Amino acid sequence: MIDGRFPYKKLAKYPHLKPEDIAVWELFIEQNPTEFLTCNYDVACGVGAPQDPSLPENIQRDGKILTQKKIDVVGYINNDITIIELKPIANARALGQLLTYKDLYIECYPDHPTPKMMVIANSIEREMQATFDAQGIVVRTV
């Protein structure tokens, strides 16, 4: 890890990525070896579900983390931050997730630059490209 971040390269293990997401991510890394310098995985954002105040503080903290939204990957290069959703198909679900994650990321990390948004997928669902473009979301297929 570099300053709490992982190097941007293939890893033996990725925190909480599903096998189909790992396949997309590793293809992207192979095809774009200089896209990012470092990255983080499973980045928590949002407030999470309310916790029972009668529980011990460590249990409340864990409960919060478990119920927060999670960004698949956050990529870093110089001062640019990109929140990344990995999917077999870039679809409406990915669109909604990225728009939500961007707002929550800004709330949780107000001192960071406004993140860019990217979905990395094997393909894009028909009729979705214009909507991704309109929302400023870059779609990269591998």
N, C-alpha and C. Protein backbone atom coordinates (compact mmCIF):
# COMPACT_ATOMS: atom_id res chain seq x y z
N MET A 1 0.83 -1.20 0.00
CA MET A 1 0.00 0.00 0.00
C MET A 1 0.87 1.25 0.00
N ILE A 2 0.40 2.28 -0.67
CA ILE A 2 1.10 3.56 -0.75
C ILE A 2 0.20 4.61 -0.11
N ASP A 3 0.61 5.18 1.02
CA ASP A 3 -0.20 6.17 1.74
C ASP A 3 -1.65 5.69 1.91
N GLY A 4 -1.82 4.44 2.30
CA GLY A 4 -3.16 3.91 2.50
C GLY A 4 -3.84 3.49 1.21
N ARG A 5 -3.15 3.62 0.09
CA ARG A 5 -3.71 3.26 -1.21
C ARG A 5 -2.93 2.07 -1.77
N PHE A 6 -3.59 1.37 -2.66
CA PHE A 6 -2.95 0.26 -3.34
C PHE A 6 -2.27 0.75 -4.61
N PRO A 7 -1.20 0.11 -5.03
CA PRO A 7 -0.62 0.46 -6.33
C PRO A 7 -1.60 0.08 -7.44
N TYR A 8 -1.60 0.84 -8.51
CA TYR A 8 -2.46 0.54 -9.64
C TYR A 8 -1.80 -0.55 -10.48
N LYS A 9 -2.11 -1.78 -10.11
CA LYS A 9 -1.62 -2.95 -10.83
C LYS A 9 -2.46 -4.14 -10.40
N LYS A 10 -2.29 -5.24 -11.09
CA LYS A 10 -3.01 -6.45 -10.70
C LYS A 10 -2.55 -6.88 -9.32
N LEU A 11 -3.49 -7.30 -8.50
CA LEU A 11 -3.19 -7.77 -7.15
C LEU A 11 -3.60 -9.22 -7.02
N ALA A 12 -3.06 -9.88 -6.04
CA ALA A 12 -3.44 -11.27 -5.77
C ALA A 12 -4.88 -11.33 -5.25
N LYS A 13 -5.31 -10.26 -4.57
CA LYS A 13 -6.63 -10.22 -3.95
C LYS A 13 -7.12 -8.77 -3.95
N TYR A 14 -8.42 -8.58 -4.18
CA TYR A 14 -9.03 -7.25 -4.18
C TYR A 14 -10.12 -7.22 -3.12
N PRO A 15 -10.10 -6.22 -2.25
CA PRO A 15 -11.13 -6.15 -1.20
C PRO A 15 -12.55 -6.09 -1.75
N HIS A 16 -13.32 -7.10 -1.51
CA HIS A 16 -14.76 -7.15 -1.76
C HIS A 16 -15.19 -7.02 -3.21
N LEU A 17 -14.32 -7.29 -4.18
CA LEU A 17 -14.75 -7.30 -5.58
C LEU A 17 -15.21 -8.71 -5.95
N LYS A 18 -16.29 -8.76 -6.72
CA LYS A 18 -16.81 -10.05 -7.19
C LYS A 18 -15.95 -10.55 -8.35
N PRO A 19 -15.93 -11.86 -8.57
CA PRO A 19 -15.10 -12.41 -9.65
C PRO A 19 -15.34 -11.75 -11.02
N GLU A 20 -16.62 -11.48 -11.36
CA GLU A 20 -16.89 -10.86 -12.65
C GLU A 20 -16.37 -9.42 -12.72
N ASP A 21 -16.33 -8.73 -11.57
CA ASP A 21 -15.78 -7.38 -11.53
C ASP A 21 -14.25 -7.41 -11.60
N ILE A 22 -13.66 -8.39 -10.97
CA ILE A 22 -12.20 -8.55 -11.03
C ILE A 22 -11.76 -8.78 -12.47
N ALA A 23 -12.51 -9.61 -13.20
CA ALA A 23 -12.16 -9.89 -14.60
C ALA A 23 -12.16 -8.61 -15.42
N VAL A 24 -13.17 -7.77 -15.25
CA VAL A 24 -13.25 -6.49 -15.97
C VAL A 24 -12.10 -5.58 -15.55
N TRP A 25 -11.85 -5.48 -14.25
CA TRP A 25 -10.80 -4.60 -13.72
C TRP A 25 -9.42 -5.01 -14.24
N GLU A 26 -9.13 -6.29 -14.19
CA GLU A 26 -7.81 -6.74 -14.62
C GLU A 26 -7.61 -6.54 -16.13
N LEU A 27 -8.65 -6.71 -16.92
CA LEU A 27 -8.54 -6.40 -18.34
C LEU A 27 -8.25 -4.92 -18.55
N PHE A 28 -8.94 -4.08 -17.77
CA PHE A 28 -8.72 -2.64 -17.87
C PHE A 28 -7.27 -2.28 -17.52
N ILE A 29 -6.77 -2.85 -16.44
CA ILE A 29 -5.39 -2.58 -16.04
C ILE A 29 -4.42 -3.01 -17.15
N GLU A 30 -4.65 -4.19 -17.73
CA GLU A 30 -3.78 -4.67 -18.82
C GLU A 30 -3.80 -3.70 -20.00
N GLN A 31 -5.00 -3.23 -20.36
CA GLN A 31 -5.15 -2.38 -21.54
C GLN A 31 -4.77 -0.92 -21.28
N ASN A 32 -4.74 -0.51 -20.01
CA ASN A 32 -4.50 0.89 -19.64
C ASN A 32 -3.53 0.96 -18.46
N PRO A 33 -2.28 0.54 -18.66
CA PRO A 33 -1.36 0.41 -17.53
C PRO A 33 -0.93 1.73 -16.88
N THR A 34 -1.22 2.87 -17.51
CA THR A 34 -0.81 4.15 -16.92
C THR A 34 -2.00 5.04 -16.58
N GLU A 35 -3.20 4.47 -16.54
CA GLU A 35 -4.42 5.26 -16.29
C GLU A 35 -4.43 5.93 -14.92
N PHE A 36 -3.97 5.22 -13.89
CA PHE A 36 -3.94 5.74 -12.52
C PHE A 36 -2.58 5.44 -11.92
N LEU A 37 -2.28 6.13 -10.82
CA LEU A 37 -1.05 5.84 -10.07
C LEU A 37 -1.34 4.89 -8.91
N THR A 38 -2.43 5.19 -8.19
CA THR A 38 -2.84 4.37 -7.05
C THR A 38 -4.35 4.25 -7.07
N CYS A 39 -4.88 3.38 -6.21
CA CYS A 39 -6.33 3.23 -6.11
C CYS A 39 -6.71 2.66 -4.74
N ASN A 40 -7.96 2.80 -4.42
CA ASN A 40 -8.54 2.17 -3.23
C ASN A 40 -9.74 1.35 -3.67
N TYR A 41 -10.06 0.34 -2.90
CA TYR A 41 -11.16 -0.56 -3.21
C TYR A 41 -12.19 -0.52 -2.08
N ASP A 42 -13.47 -0.73 -2.46
CA ASP A 42 -14.54 -0.86 -1.47
C ASP A 42 -14.57 0.38 -0.56
N VAL A 43 -14.59 1.56 -1.17
CA VAL A 43 -14.50 2.82 -0.43
C VAL A 43 -15.87 3.18 0.13
N ALA A 44 -15.96 3.25 1.46
CA ALA A 44 -17.21 3.55 2.13
C ALA A 44 -17.56 5.03 2.01
N CYS A 45 -18.85 5.30 1.77
CA CYS A 45 -19.33 6.67 1.77
C CYS A 45 -20.79 6.66 2.21
N GLY A 46 -21.28 7.81 2.64
CA GLY A 46 -22.62 7.90 3.20
C GLY A 46 -22.58 7.66 4.70
N VAL A 47 -23.73 7.80 5.33
CA VAL A 47 -23.78 7.70 6.80
C VAL A 47 -24.08 6.30 7.30
N GLY A 48 -24.61 5.43 6.44
CA GLY A 48 -24.96 4.10 6.89
C GLY A 48 -26.26 4.11 7.69
N ALA A 49 -26.68 2.94 8.11
CA ALA A 49 -27.92 2.81 8.87
C ALA A 49 -27.74 3.30 10.30
N PRO A 50 -28.81 3.82 10.91
CA PRO A 50 -28.72 4.22 12.32
C PRO A 50 -28.32 3.01 13.18
N GLN A 51 -27.52 3.29 14.19
CA GLN A 51 -27.03 2.23 15.07
C GLN A 51 -27.66 2.36 16.46
N ASP A 52 -27.80 1.24 17.11
CA ASP A 52 -28.36 1.20 18.46
C ASP A 52 -27.34 1.82 19.43
N PRO A 53 -27.67 2.96 20.05
CA PRO A 53 -26.71 3.62 20.93
C PRO A 53 -26.37 2.82 22.19
N SER A 54 -27.15 1.79 22.48
CA SER A 54 -26.84 0.98 23.66
C SER A 54 -25.73 -0.04 23.39
N LEU A 55 -25.39 -0.22 22.13
CA LEU A 55 -24.32 -1.17 21.78
C LEU A 55 -22.96 -0.54 22.00
N PRO A 56 -21.94 -1.36 22.22
CA PRO A 56 -20.59 -0.81 22.39
C PRO A 56 -20.17 -0.02 21.15
N GLU A 57 -19.30 0.96 21.36
CA GLU A 57 -18.88 1.86 20.28
C GLU A 57 -18.28 1.11 19.09
N ASN A 58 -17.47 0.07 19.36
CA ASN A 58 -16.86 -0.67 18.25
C ASN A 58 -17.92 -1.41 17.43
N ILE A 59 -18.97 -1.89 18.05
CA ILE A 59 -20.05 -2.58 17.34
C ILE A 59 -20.83 -1.57 16.50
N GLN A 60 -21.08 -0.39 17.06
CA GLN A 60 -21.76 0.67 16.30
C GLN A 60 -20.93 1.08 15.09
N ARG A 61 -19.64 1.22 15.28
CA ARG A 61 -18.74 1.62 14.19
C ARG A 61 -18.77 0.57 13.08
N ASP A 62 -18.67 -0.71 13.47
CA ASP A 62 -18.70 -1.79 12.48
C ASP A 62 -20.05 -1.82 11.75
N GLY A 63 -21.13 -1.61 12.50
CA GLY A 63 -22.46 -1.59 11.89
C GLY A 63 -22.60 -0.47 10.87
N LYS A 64 -22.03 0.68 11.21
CA LYS A 64 -22.07 1.80 10.27
C LYS A 64 -21.32 1.45 8.99
N ILE A 65 -20.11 0.94 9.14
CA ILE A 65 -19.28 0.60 7.97
C ILE A 65 -19.98 -0.44 7.10
N LEU A 66 -20.59 -1.44 7.73
CA LEU A 66 -21.26 -2.50 6.97
C LEU A 66 -22.45 -1.99 6.17
N THR A 67 -23.08 -0.90 6.63
CA THR A 67 -24.28 -0.41 5.96
C THR A 67 -24.04 0.82 5.09
N GLN A 68 -22.82 1.32 5.04
CA GLN A 68 -22.53 2.43 4.14
C GLN A 68 -22.49 1.93 2.70
N LYS A 69 -22.71 2.84 1.75
CA LYS A 69 -22.54 2.51 0.34
C LYS A 69 -21.05 2.30 0.09
N LYS A 70 -20.73 1.46 -0.89
CA LYS A 70 -19.32 1.15 -1.19
C LYS A 70 -19.03 1.39 -2.66
N ILE A 71 -18.02 2.19 -2.92
CA ILE A 71 -17.55 2.43 -4.28
C ILE A 71 -16.57 1.30 -4.62
N ASP A 72 -16.74 0.68 -5.79
CA ASP A 72 -15.86 -0.42 -6.17
C ASP A 72 -14.40 0.00 -6.14
N VAL A 73 -14.07 1.05 -6.88
CA VAL A 73 -12.69 1.51 -6.98
C VAL A 73 -12.67 3.03 -7.03
N VAL A 74 -11.69 3.62 -6.34
CA VAL A 74 -11.40 5.05 -6.51
C VAL A 74 -9.97 5.11 -7.04
N GLY A 75 -9.83 5.69 -8.24
CA GLY A 75 -8.53 5.80 -8.88
C GLY A 75 -7.95 7.19 -8.70
N TYR A 76 -6.63 7.27 -8.51
CA TYR A 76 -5.95 8.55 -8.28
C TYR A 76 -4.80 8.72 -9.26
N ILE A 77 -4.72 9.90 -9.84
CA ILE A 77 -3.55 10.28 -10.63
C ILE A 77 -3.40 11.79 -10.48
N ASN A 78 -2.23 12.19 -10.00
CA ASN A 78 -1.98 13.60 -9.67
C ASN A 78 -3.08 14.10 -8.75
N ASN A 79 -3.78 15.18 -9.10
CA ASN A 79 -4.86 15.69 -8.24
C ASN A 79 -6.23 15.22 -8.68
N ASP A 80 -6.29 14.30 -9.63
CA ASP A 80 -7.58 13.81 -10.13
C ASP A 80 -8.01 12.56 -9.37
N ILE A 81 -9.30 12.53 -9.06
CA ILE A 81 -9.92 11.39 -8.39
C ILE A 81 -11.03 10.90 -9.29
N THR A 82 -11.10 9.60 -9.50
CA THR A 82 -12.16 9.01 -10.32
C THR A 82 -12.83 7.90 -9.53
N ILE A 83 -14.16 8.01 -9.38
CA ILE A 83 -14.90 6.92 -8.76
C ILE A 83 -15.32 5.98 -9.89
N ILE A 84 -15.12 4.69 -9.66
CA ILE A 84 -15.26 3.69 -10.72
C ILE A 84 -16.22 2.59 -10.29
N GLU A 85 -17.16 2.31 -11.16
CA GLU A 85 -18.07 1.18 -10.96
C GLU A 85 -17.68 0.12 -11.99
N LEU A 86 -17.53 -1.11 -11.54
CA LEU A 86 -17.17 -2.23 -12.40
C LEU A 86 -18.40 -3.08 -12.64
N LYS A 87 -18.68 -3.36 -13.91
CA LYS A 87 -19.86 -4.16 -14.26
C LYS A 87 -19.57 -4.98 -15.50
N PRO A 88 -20.19 -6.14 -15.64
CA PRO A 88 -20.11 -6.84 -16.92
C PRO A 88 -20.75 -6.01 -18.04
N ILE A 89 -21.89 -5.33 -17.71
CA ILE A 89 -22.58 -4.49 -18.69
C ILE A 89 -22.83 -3.12 -18.05
N ALA A 90 -22.43 -2.05 -18.73
CA ALA A 90 -22.70 -0.69 -18.27
C ALA A 90 -24.19 -0.42 -18.51
N ASN A 91 -24.95 -0.33 -17.42
CA ASN A 91 -26.40 -0.24 -17.53
C ASN A 91 -26.94 0.86 -16.61
N ALA A 92 -28.26 0.94 -16.51
CA ALA A 92 -28.90 1.96 -15.69
C ALA A 92 -28.53 1.82 -14.21
N ARG A 93 -28.32 0.61 -13.76
CA ARG A 93 -27.91 0.40 -12.36
C ARG A 93 -26.56 1.07 -12.10
N ALA A 94 -25.60 0.88 -13.00
CA ALA A 94 -24.29 1.52 -12.86
C ALA A 94 -24.42 3.04 -12.87
N LEU A 95 -25.28 3.55 -13.74
CA LEU A 95 -25.52 4.99 -13.82
C LEU A 95 -26.00 5.52 -12.47
N GLY A 96 -27.03 4.90 -11.92
CA GLY A 96 -27.58 5.33 -10.64
C GLY A 96 -26.58 5.21 -9.50
N GLN A 97 -25.82 4.13 -9.50
CA GLN A 97 -24.82 3.96 -8.45
C GLN A 97 -23.78 5.08 -8.51
N LEU A 98 -23.27 5.38 -9.70
CA LEU A 98 -22.24 6.42 -9.81
C LEU A 98 -22.75 7.79 -9.41
N LEU A 99 -23.95 8.14 -9.82
CA LEU A 99 -24.50 9.45 -9.45
C LEU A 99 -24.67 9.55 -7.93
N THR A 100 -25.14 8.48 -7.33
CA THR A 100 -25.29 8.45 -5.87
C THR A 100 -23.93 8.51 -5.18
N TYR A 101 -23.01 7.69 -5.64
CA TYR A 101 -21.68 7.64 -5.01
C TYR A 101 -20.96 8.98 -5.12
N LYS A 102 -21.11 9.67 -6.23
CA LYS A 102 -20.45 10.97 -6.37
C LYS A 102 -20.95 11.93 -5.31
N ASP A 103 -22.27 12.03 -5.14
CA ASP A 103 -22.83 12.92 -4.12
C ASP A 103 -22.36 12.53 -2.72
N LEU A 104 -22.39 11.24 -2.41
CA LEU A 104 -21.98 10.79 -1.08
C LEU A 104 -20.48 10.99 -0.87
N TYR A 105 -19.69 10.78 -1.91
CA TYR A 105 -18.24 10.99 -1.80
C TYR A 105 -17.95 12.45 -1.46
N ILE A 106 -18.62 13.35 -2.14
CA ILE A 106 -18.42 14.79 -1.89
C ILE A 106 -18.81 15.13 -0.45
N GLU A 107 -19.91 14.56 0.03
CA GLU A 107 -20.33 14.78 1.42
C GLU A 107 -19.30 14.25 2.42
N CYS A 108 -18.80 13.05 2.17
CA CYS A 108 -17.89 12.40 3.11
C CYS A 108 -16.47 12.94 3.05
N TYR A 109 -16.06 13.42 1.89
CA TYR A 109 -14.69 13.88 1.70
C TYR A 109 -14.69 15.28 1.09
N PRO A 110 -15.23 16.27 1.82
CA PRO A 110 -15.37 17.62 1.26
C PRO A 110 -14.04 18.30 0.93
N ASP A 111 -12.95 17.85 1.53
CA ASP A 111 -11.64 18.45 1.27
C ASP A 111 -10.96 17.86 0.03
N HIS A 112 -11.56 16.82 -0.58
CA HIS A 112 -11.01 16.22 -1.79
C HIS A 112 -11.54 16.96 -3.02
N PRO A 113 -10.82 16.89 -4.14
CA PRO A 113 -11.37 17.45 -5.38
C PRO A 113 -12.64 16.70 -5.79
N THR A 114 -13.51 17.36 -6.53
CA THR A 114 -14.72 16.70 -7.03
C THR A 114 -14.32 15.53 -7.92
N PRO A 115 -14.84 14.35 -7.62
CA PRO A 115 -14.41 13.18 -8.40
C PRO A 115 -15.04 13.14 -9.79
N LYS A 116 -14.30 12.56 -10.71
CA LYS A 116 -14.84 12.19 -12.01
C LYS A 116 -15.54 10.86 -11.83
N MET A 117 -16.34 10.46 -12.82
CA MET A 117 -17.06 9.19 -12.74
C MET A 117 -16.75 8.34 -13.96
N MET A 118 -16.59 7.03 -13.73
CA MET A 118 -16.29 6.10 -14.81
C MET A 118 -16.94 4.76 -14.53
N VAL A 119 -17.49 4.16 -15.56
CA VAL A 119 -17.92 2.77 -15.47
C VAL A 119 -17.04 1.98 -16.43
N ILE A 120 -16.54 0.86 -15.95
CA ILE A 120 -15.72 -0.03 -16.76
C ILE A 120 -16.50 -1.32 -16.90
N ALA A 121 -16.70 -1.74 -18.16
CA ALA A 121 -17.55 -2.90 -18.42
C ALA A 121 -17.09 -3.61 -19.68
N ASN A 122 -17.63 -4.81 -19.86
CA ASN A 122 -17.37 -5.55 -21.10
C ASN A 122 -18.17 -4.98 -22.25
N SER A 123 -19.35 -4.41 -21.94
CA SER A 123 -20.19 -3.82 -22.98
C SER A 123 -21.11 -2.79 -22.35
N ILE A 124 -21.78 -2.02 -23.20
CA ILE A 124 -22.74 -1.03 -22.72
C ILE A 124 -24.13 -1.41 -23.21
N GLU A 125 -25.09 -1.29 -22.33
CA GLU A 125 -26.48 -1.60 -22.70
C GLU A 125 -26.95 -0.63 -23.77
N ARG A 126 -27.73 -1.14 -24.71
CA ARG A 126 -28.21 -0.28 -25.79
C ARG A 126 -28.97 0.92 -25.23
N GLU A 127 -28.87 2.03 -25.92
CA GLU A 127 -29.55 3.28 -25.59
C GLU A 127 -29.05 3.96 -24.32
N MET A 128 -27.93 3.52 -23.78
CA MET A 128 -27.44 4.11 -22.53
C MET A 128 -26.32 5.13 -22.74
N GLN A 129 -25.60 5.08 -23.84
CA GLN A 129 -24.42 5.94 -24.02
C GLN A 129 -24.75 7.42 -23.87
N ALA A 130 -25.83 7.88 -24.49
CA ALA A 130 -26.20 9.30 -24.43
C ALA A 130 -26.48 9.73 -22.99
N THR A 131 -27.08 8.86 -22.21
CA THR A 131 -27.39 9.20 -20.82
C THR A 131 -26.12 9.26 -19.99
N PHE A 132 -25.22 8.31 -20.18
CA PHE A 132 -23.93 8.38 -19.49
C PHE A 132 -23.20 9.67 -19.86
N ASP A 133 -23.18 10.00 -21.17
CA ASP A 133 -22.52 11.21 -21.63
C ASP A 133 -23.13 12.46 -20.98
N ALA A 134 -24.46 12.51 -20.93
CA ALA A 134 -25.16 13.67 -20.37
C ALA A 134 -24.83 13.88 -18.90
N GLN A 135 -24.52 12.80 -18.21
CA GLN A 135 -24.22 12.89 -16.78
C GLN A 135 -22.71 13.02 -16.50
N GLY A 136 -21.92 13.09 -17.54
CA GLY A 136 -20.48 13.24 -17.37
C GLY A 136 -19.78 11.96 -16.93
N ILE A 137 -20.37 10.83 -17.24
CA ILE A 137 -19.81 9.54 -16.86
C ILE A 137 -19.08 8.94 -18.06
N VAL A 138 -17.82 8.66 -17.89
CA VAL A 138 -17.02 8.02 -18.93
C VAL A 138 -17.28 6.53 -18.90
N VAL A 139 -17.57 5.96 -20.06
CA VAL A 139 -17.76 4.52 -20.17
C VAL A 139 -16.54 3.95 -20.92
N ARG A 140 -15.90 2.99 -20.28
CA ARG A 140 -14.75 2.33 -20.90
C ARG A 140 -15.08 0.86 -21.01
N THR A 141 -15.01 0.32 -22.22
CA THR A 141 -15.28 -1.10 -22.41
C THR A 141 -13.96 -1.83 -22.63
N VAL A 142 -13.93 -3.05 -22.12
CA VAL A 142 -12.72 -3.89 -22.23
C VAL A 142 -13.08 -5.21 -22.88
